[in-house]
Amino acid sequence: MSIKSSLIKFLINMNNNYLSKIFIKKRGLKFNKENLYSWMNLTKKERFNLSKKDSMNYLIERKNLLNQIRNEYKNSIENN
């Protein structure tokens, strides 16, 4: 069972890294203190699209975290 669980963890981490690289390349602009003026110069639609991508990224991270928690819980039950 440890091989199966380690394989699942590897695939989850690989998927996380792959998706995060895709989102970083597509997004291109992060909102922070240094680029406030460039953020404000964007159109309303561009700001909406960027915030939508941010929320999708958060959703994916949250799903991945929940999957990791579930897998750890299953592994702890199997070990006990």
Protein backbone atom coordinates (compact mmCIF):
# COMPACT_ATOMS: atom_id res chain seq x y z
CA MET A 1 0.00 0.00 0.00
CA SER A 2 2.90 2.40 0.54
CA ILE A 3 3.86 2.21 -3.14
CA LYS A 4 0.31 3.06 -4.13
CA SER A 5 0.13 6.00 -1.75
CA SER A 6 3.53 7.33 -2.79
CA LEU A 7 2.51 7.05 -6.45
CA ILE A 8 -0.69 8.99 -5.75
CA LYS A 9 1.25 11.70 -3.89
CA PHE A 10 3.73 11.93 -6.75
CA LEU A 11 0.95 12.33 -9.32
CA ILE A 12 -0.83 14.96 -7.23
CA ASN A 13 2.36 16.97 -6.77
CA MET A 14 3.19 16.67 -10.46
CA ASN A 15 -0.29 17.83 -11.39
CA ASN A 16 -0.05 20.77 -8.97
CA ASN A 17 3.28 21.90 -10.37
CA TYR A 18 2.12 21.56 -13.97
CA LEU A 19 -1.10 23.52 -13.42
CA SER A 20 0.61 26.25 -11.44
CA LYS A 21 3.16 26.77 -14.24
CA ILE A 22 0.35 27.07 -16.78
CA PHE A 23 -1.51 29.64 -14.68
CA ILE A 24 1.62 31.70 -14.05
CA LYS A 25 2.42 31.85 -17.77
CA LYS A 26 -1.13 32.81 -18.74
CA ARG A 27 -1.71 35.33 -15.99
CA GLY A 28 1.42 37.41 -16.38
CA LEU A 29 0.35 40.16 -13.95
CA LYS A 30 0.06 39.80 -10.22
CA PHE A 31 -1.63 42.34 -8.02
CA ASN A 32 0.69 43.74 -5.40
CA LYS A 33 1.84 47.07 -4.03
CA GLU A 34 4.55 47.61 -6.65
CA ASN A 35 2.28 47.32 -9.68
CA LEU A 36 -0.80 49.09 -8.35
CA TYR A 37 -0.79 51.69 -11.12
CA SER A 38 -0.53 49.11 -13.88
CA TRP A 39 -3.42 47.25 -12.25
CA MET A 40 -5.55 50.41 -12.19
CA ASN A 41 -4.73 51.16 -15.84
CA LEU A 42 -6.30 47.89 -16.92
CA THR A 43 -9.80 47.93 -18.28
CA LYS A 44 -12.67 46.66 -16.19
CA LYS A 45 -12.90 43.49 -18.28
CA GLU A 46 -9.16 42.77 -17.91
CA ARG A 47 -9.33 43.22 -14.14
CA PHE A 48 -12.36 40.93 -14.02
CA ASN A 49 -10.56 38.26 -16.06
CA LEU A 50 -7.47 38.45 -13.84
CA SER A 51 -9.50 38.16 -10.66
CA LYS A 52 -11.44 35.28 -12.21
CA LYS A 53 -8.17 33.47 -12.96
CA ASP A 54 -7.01 34.13 -9.41
CA SER A 55 -10.19 32.64 -7.99
CA MET A 56 -9.86 29.59 -10.26
CA ASN A 57 -6.27 29.16 -9.08
CA TYR A 58 -7.45 29.36 -5.46
CA LEU A 59 -10.16 26.81 -6.18
CA ILE A 60 -7.66 24.38 -7.69
CA GLU A 61 -5.25 24.82 -4.78
CA ARG A 62 -8.08 24.23 -2.32
CA LYS A 63 -9.19 21.06 -4.13
CA ASN A 64 -5.63 19.76 -4.15
CA LEU A 65 -5.23 20.47 -0.45
CA LEU A 66 -8.48 18.66 0.34
CA ASN A 67 -7.34 15.68 -1.75
CA GLN A 68 -4.05 15.58 0.17
CA ILE A 69 -5.90 15.70 3.49
CA ARG A 70 -8.22 12.91 2.39
CA ASN A 71 -5.31 10.77 1.23
CA GLU A 72 -3.44 11.28 4.50
CA TYR A 73 -6.56 10.39 6.45
CA LYS A 74 -7.05 7.21 4.41
CA ASN A 75 -3.40 6.29 4.93
CA SER A 76 -3.62 6.85 8.68
CA ILE A 77 -6.73 4.66 8.88
CA GLU A 78 -5.04 1.92 6.83
CA ASN A 79 -1.96 2.02 9.07
CA ASN A 80 -4.03 1.73 12.24
